[in-house]
C-alpha atoms as a PDB file:
ATOM      1  CA  MET A   1       0.000   0.000   0.000  1.00  0.00           C
ATOM      2  CA  THR A   2       1.450   3.361  -0.970  1.00  0.00           C
ATOM      3  CA  GLN A   3       1.296   6.518   1.075  1.00  0.00           C
ATOM      4  CA  PRO A   4      -1.013   9.253  -0.195  1.00  0.00           C
ATOM      5  CA  PRO A   5       0.830  12.334  -1.502  1.00  0.00           C
ATOM      6  CA  LEU A   6       1.414  15.106   0.986  1.00  0.00           C
ATOM      7  CA  ASP A   7       0.354  17.747  -1.540  1.00  0.00           C
ATOM      8  CA  ASP A   8       2.788  20.610  -1.089  1.00  0.00           C
ATOM      9  CA  PHE A   9       3.443  19.996   2.601  1.00  0.00           C
ATOM     10  CA  GLY A  10       7.106  19.345   3.273  1.00  0.00           C
ATOM     11  CA  LYS A  11       8.323  20.669  -0.080  1.00  0.00           C
ATOM     12  CA  GLU A  12       8.935  24.238   1.045  1.00  0.00           C
ATOM     13  CA  PRO A  13      12.060  24.845   3.121  1.00  0.00           C
ATOM     14  CA  LEU A  14      11.516  25.691   6.766  1.00  0.00           C
ATOM     15  CA  THR A  15      11.911  29.200   8.118  1.00  0.00           C
ATOM     16  CA  HIS A  16      14.784  29.486  10.601  1.00  0.00           C
ATOM     17  CA  ILE A  17      15.586  31.989  13.356  1.00  0.00           C
ATOM     18  CA  ARG A  18      18.800  34.022  13.524  1.00  0.00           C
ATOM     19  CA  ARG A  19      21.074  33.345  16.511  1.00  0.00           C
ATOM     20  CA  PRO A  20      22.371  36.381  18.420  1.00  0.00           C
ATOM     21  CA  ASN A  21      26.079  36.946  17.874  1.00  0.00           C
ATOM     22  CA  LEU A  22      28.831  37.952  20.170  1.00  0.00           C
ATOM     23  CA  PRO A  23      29.162  41.692  19.419  1.00  0.00           C
ATOM     24  CA  TRP A  24      32.687  41.387  18.037  1.00  0.00           C
ATOM     25  CA  ARG A  25      31.827  38.563  15.640  1.00  0.00           C
ATOM     26  CA  ASP A  26      30.167  38.649  12.277  1.00  0.00           C
ATOM     27  CA  ASP A  27      29.087  34.989  12.251  1.00  0.00           C
ATOM     28  CA  GLU A  28      25.673  34.413  10.813  1.00  0.00           C
ATOM     29  CA  LEU A  29      24.126  31.292  12.303  1.00  0.00           C
ATOM     30  CA  THR A  30      20.614  30.108  12.922  1.00  0.00           C
ATOM     31  CA  GLU A  31      19.484  29.079  16.383  1.00  0.00           C
ATOM     32  CA  CYS A  32      19.826  25.447  15.292  1.00  0.00           C
ATOM     33  CA  GLY A  33      23.468  26.086  14.377  1.00  0.00           C
ATOM     34  CA  LYS A  34      23.345  26.185  10.569  1.00  0.00           C
ATOM     35  CA  PRO A  35      25.164  28.924   8.651  1.00  0.00           C
ATOM     36  CA  ILE A  36      22.595  31.377   7.296  1.00  0.00           C
ATOM     37  CA  GLY A  37      24.188  31.167   3.850  1.00  0.00           C
ATOM     38  CA  ASP A  38      23.229  27.480   3.699  1.00  0.00           C
ATOM     39  CA  ILE A  39      19.539  28.090   4.448  1.00  0.00           C
ATOM     40  CA  LYS A  40      17.231  27.742   1.440  1.00  0.00           C
ATOM     41  CA  GLY A  41      14.198  29.207   3.220  1.00  0.00           C
ATOM     42  CA  SER A  42      13.820  32.483   5.009  1.00  0.00           C
ATOM     43  CA  VAL A  43      15.484  33.561   8.255  1.00  0.00           C
ATOM     44  CA  LEU A  44      13.716  35.656  10.880  1.00  0.00           C
ATOM     45  CA  ASN A  45      14.873  37.437  13.980  1.00  0.00           C
ATOM     46  CA  ARG A  46      13.384  36.344  17.328  1.00  0.00           C
ATOM     47  CA  GLU A  47      10.852  39.149  17.511  1.00  0.00           C
ATOM     48  CA  SER A  48       9.433  38.401  14.048  1.00  0.00           C
ATOM     49  CA  ALA A  49       9.215  34.703  14.873  1.00  0.00           C
ATOM     50  CA  ALA A  50       7.297  35.481  18.082  1.00  0.00           C
ATOM     51  CA  VAL A  51       4.852  37.658  16.104  1.00  0.00           C
ATOM     52  CA  GLN A  52       4.295  34.848  13.600  1.00  0.00           C
ATOM     53  CA  LEU A  53       3.760  32.351  16.420  1.00  0.00           C
ATOM     54  CA  ARG A  54       1.041  34.544  17.927  1.00  0.00           C
ATOM     55  CA  ARG A  55      -0.545  35.090  14.511  1.00  0.00           C
ATOM     56  CA  LEU A  56      -0.453  31.450  13.332  1.00  0.00           C
ATOM     57  CA  GLY A  57      -0.734  29.546  16.590  1.00  0.00           C
ATOM     58  CA  GLN A  58       1.667  26.825  17.773  1.00  0.00           C
ATOM     59  CA  GLN A  59       0.518  24.042  15.429  1.00  0.00           C
ATOM     60  CA  ARG A  60       0.560  26.023  12.184  1.00  0.00           C
ATOM     61  CA  PHE A  61       3.787  27.750  13.203  1.00  0.00           C
ATOM     62  CA  ALA A  62       5.416  24.324  13.707  1.00  0.00           C
ATOM     63  CA  MET A  63       4.531  23.266  10.158  1.00  0.00           C
ATOM     64  CA  PHE A  64       6.582  26.018   8.539  1.00  0.00           C
ATOM     65  CA  HIS A  65       9.337  26.865  11.028  1.00  0.00           C
ATOM     66  CA  CYS A  66      12.360  25.003  12.316  1.00  0.00           C
ATOM     67  CA  MET A  67      11.251  23.910  15.772  1.00  0.00           C
ATOM     68  CA  THR A  68      14.840  23.386  16.896  1.00  0.00           C
ATOM     69  CA  CYS A  69      15.402  27.078  16.182  1.00  0.00           C
ATOM     70  CA  TRP A  70      12.240  28.076  18.015  1.00  0.00           C
ATOM     71  CA  ASN A  71      12.877  25.895  21.068  1.00  0.00           C
ATOM     72  CA  THR A  72      16.425  27.223  21.298  1.00  0.00           C
ATOM     73  CA  ALA A  73      15.349  30.857  20.806  1.00  0.00           C
ATOM     74  CA  ARG A  74      12.734  30.579  23.561  1.00  0.00           C
ATOM     75  CA  TYR A  75      15.276  29.595  26.203  1.00  0.00           C
ATOM     76  CA  ASN A  76      18.355  31.550  25.164  1.00  0.00           C
ATOM     77  CA  HIS A  77      18.775  35.275  25.595  1.00  0.00           C
ATOM     78  CA  GLY A  78      20.379  37.894  23.411  1.00  0.00           C
ATOM     79  CA  TRP A  79      23.405  40.005  24.286  1.00  0.00           C
ATOM     80  CA  ASP A  80      21.309  42.963  25.466  1.00  0.00           C
ATOM     81  CA  ARG A  81      19.522  40.840  28.053  1.00  0.00           C
ATOM     82  CA  SER A  82      22.275  38.477  29.191  1.00  0.00           C
ATOM     83  CA  PRO A  83      25.819  38.655  27.767  1.00  0.00           C
ATOM     84  CA  SER A  84      26.907  35.811  30.045  1.00  0.00           C
ATOM     85  CA  HIS A  85      24.210  33.583  28.580  1.00  0.00           C
ATOM     86  CA  VAL A  86      25.408  34.261  25.029  1.00  0.00           C
ATOM     87  CA  MET A  87      29.032  33.629  26.084  1.00  0.00           C
ATOM     88  CA  ALA A  88      28.125  30.371  27.854  1.00  0.00           C
ATOM     89  CA  ARG A  89      26.267  29.143  24.803  1.00  0.00           C
ATOM     90  CA  GLU A  90      29.226  29.903  22.572  1.00  0.00           C
ATOM     91  CA  VAL A  91      31.628  28.144  24.939  1.00  0.00           C
ATOM     92  CA  GLN A  92      29.350  25.089  25.084  1.00  0.00           C
ATOM     93  CA  ARG A  93      29.201  25.072  21.294  1.00  0.00           C
ATOM     94  CA  GLY A  94      32.931  24.414  21.320  1.00  0.00           C
ATOM     95  CA  GLY A  95      32.553  21.396  23.559  1.00  0.00           C
ATOM     96  CA  ARG A  96      33.850  20.862  27.057  1.00  0.00           C
ATOM     97  CA  PHE A  97      36.275  18.018  26.494  1.00  0.00           C
ATOM     98  CA  THR A  98      37.887  18.671  23.136  1.00  0.00           C
ATOM     99  CA  MET A  99      40.027  21.497  21.859  1.00  0.00           C
ATOM    100  CA  ASN A 100      38.663  22.470  18.465  1.00  0.00           C
ATOM    101  CA  GLU A 101      38.510  25.551  16.255  1.00  0.00           C
ATOM    102  CA  VAL A 102      35.595  27.033  18.197  1.00  0.00           C
ATOM    103  CA  ASN A 103      37.509  26.720  21.496  1.00  0.00           C
ATOM    104  CA  GLN A 104      40.708  28.090  19.966  1.00  0.00           C
ATOM    105  CA  ARG A 105      38.872  31.073  18.504  1.00  0.00           C
ATOM    106  CA  MET A 106      37.149  31.834  21.830  1.00  0.00           C
ATOM    107  CA  ASP A 107      40.459  31.513  23.717  1.00  0.00           C
ATOM    108  CA  ALA A 108      42.119  33.956  21.307  1.00  0.00           C
ATOM    109  CA  GLU A 109      39.224  36.420  21.624  1.00  0.00           C
ATOM    110  CA  LEU A 110      39.259  36.269  25.425  1.00  0.00           C
ATOM    111  CA  ARG A 111      43.023  36.855  25.458  1.00  0.00           C
ATOM    112  CA  ALA A 112      42.540  39.856  23.159  1.00  0.00           C
ATOM    113  CA  ILE A 113      39.794  41.235  25.424  1.00  0.00           C
ATOM    114  CA  ALA A 114      42.034  40.803  28.479  1.00  0.00           C
ATOM    115  CA  ALA A 115      44.899  42.591  26.692  1.00  0.00           C
ATOM    116  CA  LEU A 116      42.601  45.469  25.720  1.00  0.00           C
ATOM    117  CA  ILE A 117      41.383  45.787  29.301  1.00  0.00           C
ATOM    118  CA  GLU A 118      44.946  45.781  30.576  1.00  0.00           C
ATOM    119  CA  ALA A 119      45.927  48.476  28.084  1.00  0.00           C
ATOM    120  CA  HIS A 120      42.891  50.627  28.963  1.00  0.00           C
ATOM    121  CA  ARG A 121      42.305  49.779  32.620  1.00  0.00           C
ATOM    122  CA  GLU A 122      41.057  53.209  33.723  1.00  0.00           C
ATOM    123  CA  GLU A 123      38.520  53.386  30.916  1.00  0.00           C
ATOM    124  CA  PHE A 124      37.315  49.841  31.702  1.00  0.00           C
ATOM    125  CA  ASP A 125      36.948  50.573  35.421  1.00  0.00           C
ATOM    126  CA  GLY A 126      35.115  53.827  34.650  1.00  0.00           C
ATOM    127  CA  PHE A 127      32.706  52.040  32.346  1.00  0.00           C
ATOM    128  CA  LEU A 128      31.960  49.417  35.015  1.00  0.00           C
ATOM    129  CA  ALA A 129      31.432  52.118  37.644  1.00  0.00           C
ATOM    130  CA  GLY A 130      28.968  53.835  35.313  1.00  0.00           C
ATOM    131  CA  LEU A 131      27.039  50.611  34.817  1.00  0.00           C
ATOM    132  CA  GLU A 132      26.818  50.075  38.562  1.00  0.00           C
ATOM    133  CA  GLU A 133      25.377  53.579  39.012  1.00  0.00           C
ATOM    134  CA  THR A 134      22.568  53.110  36.484  1.00  0.00           C
ATOM    135  CA  THR A 135      19.155  52.228  37.835  1.00  0.00           C
ATOM    136  CA  ASP A 136      17.761  48.804  37.039  1.00  0.00           C
ATOM    137  CA  LEU A 137      14.181  49.711  36.109  1.00  0.00           C
ATOM    138  CA  THR A 138      12.987  46.131  36.483  1.00  0.00           C
ATOM    139  CA  ARG A 139      14.092  46.108  40.118  1.00  0.00           C
ATOM    140  CA  VAL A 140      12.503  49.522  40.752  1.00  0.00           C
ATOM    141  CA  ARG A 141       9.176  48.399  39.249  1.00  0.00           C
ATOM    142  CA  ALA A 142       9.203  45.157  41.269  1.00  0.00           C
ATOM    143  CA  ALA A 143       9.880  47.131  44.459  1.00  0.00           C
ATOM    144  CA  LYS A 144       6.958  49.484  43.695  1.00  0.00           C
ATOM    145  CA  ARG A 145       4.622  46.539  43.091  1.00  0.00           C
ATOM    146  CA  ALA A 146       5.727  44.926  46.345  1.00  0.00           C
ATOM    147  CA  LYS A 147       5.098  48.198  48.228  1.00  0.00           C
ATOM    148  CA  ARG A 148       1.541  48.455  46.883  1.00  0.00           C
ATOM    149  CA  ARG A 149       0.688  44.987  48.175  1.00  0.00           C
END
């Protein structure tokens, strides 16, 4: 017995989601780890994917989008929200037990960052002091909500 044809379902390439980069890199990867140049379908940023999810609903969204990309995008943060999260993801991409090109590249970049900090220590310390002085609006809002209760 033969399977009935799927019509056009499965013939169109899936839409992928762009992975946030480290600010000093120009890599272009999807959340599922594929180079964007290798993708035959379209590539969205996280915000556009979230809009499409709300518009289409989970089931229809899953038919046309790479779910590995979406599942990864939902749980990983961008540089603006959590630089340490983006760094940890990149380090894990290299693997914990093997020294490969990804690890070597990250090691070289971290050494370069350390050298730049050493060469410009006062500027670095001043920048950090400025960040510490800024008000975290999320914390302020949470404190106001707690006061009202």
